[in-house]
Amino acid sequence: LCADGTISGGMLPKVQAALDAVQAGVHSAHIIDGRVEHAVLLEIFTDQGVGTRIRERRGKTDREHAAAS
């Protein structure tokens, strides 16, 4: 996603930090726009959410999965 430009600019360090957290053992990390009122509540307590969730997939982080591909 970084290579094709889907993730770029200011999102790069946020995604990197979320991937690092998940790789270090955090179950999931959420990237949420702090300008959106009640964004944390909307992300956690609604089905559609308002942010980006990065989590482990099948025992591997997304970074490990991408590296294996």
N, C-alpha and C. Protein backbone atom coordinates (compact mmCIF):
# COMPACT_ATOMS: atom_id res chain seq x y z
N LEU A 1 0.82 -1.20 0.00
CA LEU A 1 0.00 0.00 0.00
C LEU A 1 0.86 1.26 0.00
N CYS A 2 2.00 1.18 0.64
CA CYS A 2 2.90 2.33 0.62
C CYS A 2 3.52 2.49 -0.76
N ALA A 3 3.90 1.38 -1.37
CA ALA A 3 4.55 1.43 -2.68
C ALA A 3 3.65 2.00 -3.76
N ASP A 4 2.35 1.71 -3.70
CA ASP A 4 1.45 2.20 -4.75
C ASP A 4 0.85 3.57 -4.42
N GLY A 5 1.23 4.16 -3.29
CA GLY A 5 0.76 5.50 -2.94
C GLY A 5 -0.55 5.56 -2.19
N THR A 6 -1.16 4.40 -1.91
CA THR A 6 -2.41 4.39 -1.14
C THR A 6 -2.18 4.99 0.24
N ILE A 7 -1.06 4.63 0.85
CA ILE A 7 -0.66 5.22 2.13
C ILE A 7 0.50 6.16 1.83
N SER A 8 0.34 7.44 2.16
CA SER A 8 1.38 8.41 1.83
C SER A 8 1.36 9.56 2.83
N GLY A 9 2.32 10.43 2.68
CA GLY A 9 2.38 11.66 3.48
C GLY A 9 2.36 11.41 4.98
N GLY A 10 1.50 12.14 5.66
CA GLY A 10 1.42 12.06 7.12
C GLY A 10 0.91 10.74 7.65
N MET A 11 0.30 9.93 6.78
CA MET A 11 -0.19 8.62 7.24
C MET A 11 0.96 7.62 7.39
N LEU A 12 2.06 7.82 6.69
CA LEU A 12 3.17 6.86 6.76
C LEU A 12 3.67 6.64 8.19
N PRO A 13 4.01 7.68 8.95
CA PRO A 13 4.49 7.43 10.31
C PRO A 13 3.41 6.86 11.23
N LYS A 14 2.16 7.22 10.98
CA LYS A 14 1.07 6.67 11.80
C LYS A 14 0.91 5.18 11.56
N VAL A 15 0.91 4.78 10.30
CA VAL A 15 0.78 3.36 9.97
C VAL A 15 2.00 2.60 10.48
N GLN A 16 3.19 3.17 10.34
CA GLN A 16 4.40 2.52 10.83
C GLN A 16 4.34 2.30 12.33
N ALA A 17 3.89 3.31 13.07
CA ALA A 17 3.77 3.18 14.53
C ALA A 17 2.74 2.13 14.91
N ALA A 18 1.63 2.08 14.18
CA ALA A 18 0.61 1.07 14.46
C ALA A 18 1.13 -0.33 14.17
N LEU A 19 1.84 -0.49 13.06
CA LEU A 19 2.43 -1.80 12.74
C LEU A 19 3.47 -2.20 13.79
N ASP A 20 4.29 -1.25 14.22
CA ASP A 20 5.29 -1.54 15.26
C ASP A 20 4.60 -2.00 16.55
N ALA A 21 3.51 -1.34 16.92
CA ALA A 21 2.79 -1.71 18.14
C ALA A 21 2.23 -3.12 18.04
N VAL A 22 1.63 -3.44 16.91
CA VAL A 22 1.05 -4.78 16.73
C VAL A 22 2.16 -5.82 16.71
N GLN A 23 3.26 -5.52 16.06
CA GLN A 23 4.38 -6.46 16.02
C GLN A 23 4.96 -6.68 17.42
N ALA A 24 4.85 -5.67 18.28
CA ALA A 24 5.36 -5.78 19.66
C ALA A 24 4.39 -6.48 20.60
N GLY A 25 3.21 -6.86 20.08
CA GLY A 25 2.29 -7.63 20.90
C GLY A 25 0.94 -7.00 21.18
N VAL A 26 0.74 -5.76 20.77
CA VAL A 26 -0.57 -5.13 20.94
C VAL A 26 -1.55 -5.83 20.01
N HIS A 27 -2.76 -6.16 20.51
CA HIS A 27 -3.73 -6.90 19.70
C HIS A 27 -4.16 -6.11 18.47
N SER A 28 -4.46 -4.83 18.64
CA SER A 28 -4.82 -4.00 17.50
C SER A 28 -4.52 -2.54 17.81
N ALA A 29 -4.31 -1.76 16.76
CA ALA A 29 -4.05 -0.33 16.89
C ALA A 29 -5.02 0.41 15.98
N HIS A 30 -5.52 1.54 16.45
CA HIS A 30 -6.48 2.33 15.68
C HIS A 30 -5.87 3.69 15.38
N ILE A 31 -6.00 4.13 14.15
CA ILE A 31 -5.60 5.47 13.74
C ILE A 31 -6.89 6.25 13.55
N ILE A 32 -7.06 7.31 14.34
CA ILE A 32 -8.33 8.02 14.38
C ILE A 32 -8.09 9.52 14.20
N ASP A 33 -8.94 10.16 13.42
CA ASP A 33 -8.87 11.59 13.17
C ASP A 33 -9.37 12.35 14.39
N GLY A 34 -8.48 13.02 15.08
CA GLY A 34 -8.83 13.74 16.29
C GLY A 34 -9.71 14.95 16.05
N ARG A 35 -9.87 15.35 14.79
CA ARG A 35 -10.73 16.49 14.48
C ARG A 35 -12.21 16.11 14.45
N VAL A 36 -12.50 14.81 14.40
CA VAL A 36 -13.88 14.33 14.35
C VAL A 36 -14.41 14.21 15.78
N GLU A 37 -15.51 14.89 16.06
CA GLU A 37 -16.08 14.86 17.40
C GLU A 37 -16.48 13.43 17.77
N HIS A 38 -16.09 13.01 18.96
CA HIS A 38 -16.41 11.68 19.50
C HIS A 38 -15.82 10.54 18.65
N ALA A 39 -14.72 10.80 17.96
CA ALA A 39 -14.15 9.82 17.04
C ALA A 39 -13.79 8.51 17.73
N VAL A 40 -13.24 8.57 18.93
CA VAL A 40 -12.86 7.34 19.62
C VAL A 40 -14.09 6.50 19.92
N LEU A 41 -15.14 7.13 20.40
CA LEU A 41 -16.38 6.39 20.69
C LEU A 41 -16.97 5.81 19.41
N LEU A 42 -16.96 6.58 18.34
CA LEU A 42 -17.50 6.09 17.07
C LEU A 42 -16.69 4.92 16.53
N GLU A 43 -15.39 4.97 16.71
CA GLU A 43 -14.53 3.88 16.24
C GLU A 43 -14.78 2.61 17.04
N ILE A 44 -14.89 2.74 18.34
CA ILE A 44 -15.00 1.57 19.20
C ILE A 44 -16.41 0.99 19.24
N PHE A 45 -17.41 1.85 19.28
CA PHE A 45 -18.77 1.38 19.55
C PHE A 45 -19.71 1.35 18.35
N THR A 46 -19.20 1.53 17.14
CA THR A 46 -20.05 1.38 15.97
C THR A 46 -19.46 0.33 15.05
N ASP A 47 -20.31 -0.31 14.27
CA ASP A 47 -19.84 -1.35 13.35
C ASP A 47 -18.98 -0.77 12.23
N GLN A 48 -19.33 0.41 11.73
CA GLN A 48 -18.59 0.97 10.61
C GLN A 48 -17.32 1.70 11.04
N GLY A 49 -17.27 2.22 12.26
CA GLY A 49 -16.08 2.92 12.73
C GLY A 49 -15.81 4.18 11.92
N VAL A 50 -14.76 4.90 12.30
CA VAL A 50 -14.41 6.13 11.60
C VAL A 50 -12.90 6.23 11.35
N GLY A 51 -12.17 5.22 11.71
CA GLY A 51 -10.73 5.27 11.58
C GLY A 51 -10.19 4.06 10.85
N THR A 52 -8.92 3.80 11.07
CA THR A 52 -8.24 2.66 10.47
C THR A 52 -7.77 1.75 11.59
N ARG A 53 -8.10 0.47 11.50
CA ARG A 53 -7.68 -0.51 12.50
C ARG A 53 -6.62 -1.41 11.88
N ILE A 54 -5.52 -1.56 12.58
CA ILE A 54 -4.46 -2.47 12.16
C ILE A 54 -4.35 -3.53 13.23
N ARG A 55 -4.43 -4.79 12.82
CA ARG A 55 -4.43 -5.89 13.78
C ARG A 55 -3.63 -7.06 13.23
N GLU A 56 -3.39 -8.03 14.11
CA GLU A 56 -2.73 -9.24 13.67
C GLU A 56 -3.63 -10.00 12.71
N ARG A 57 -3.00 -10.70 11.78
CA ARG A 57 -3.76 -11.53 10.87
C ARG A 57 -3.13 -12.92 10.87
N ARG A 58 -3.92 -13.89 11.31
CA ARG A 58 -3.49 -15.30 11.32
C ARG A 58 -2.13 -15.49 11.98
N GLY A 59 -1.95 -14.82 13.10
CA GLY A 59 -0.72 -15.01 13.85
C GLY A 59 0.45 -14.19 13.35
N LYS A 60 0.27 -13.42 12.28
CA LYS A 60 1.33 -12.58 11.77
C LYS A 60 0.82 -11.15 11.69
N THR A 61 1.72 -10.19 11.87
CA THR A 61 1.32 -8.81 11.64
C THR A 61 1.22 -8.60 10.14
N ASP A 62 0.56 -7.54 9.73
CA ASP A 62 0.46 -7.23 8.31
C ASP A 62 1.83 -7.06 7.69
N ARG A 63 2.78 -6.45 8.43
CA ARG A 63 4.13 -6.26 7.90
C ARG A 63 4.79 -7.62 7.65
N GLU A 64 4.68 -8.53 8.60
CA GLU A 64 5.27 -9.86 8.42
C GLU A 64 4.60 -10.58 7.26
N HIS A 65 3.29 -10.41 7.13
CA HIS A 65 2.56 -11.03 6.03
C HIS A 65 3.05 -10.47 4.70
N ALA A 66 3.22 -9.15 4.62
CA ALA A 66 3.67 -8.53 3.39
C ALA A 66 5.10 -8.96 3.05
N ALA A 67 5.94 -9.09 4.07
CA ALA A 67 7.32 -9.50 3.84
C ALA A 67 7.39 -10.93 3.34
N ALA A 68 6.45 -11.75 3.76
CA ALA A 68 6.44 -13.16 3.34
C ALA A 68 5.89 -13.32 1.93
N SER A 69 5.18 -12.31 1.44
CA SER A 69 4.56 -12.40 0.11
C SER A 69 5.55 -12.13 -0.99
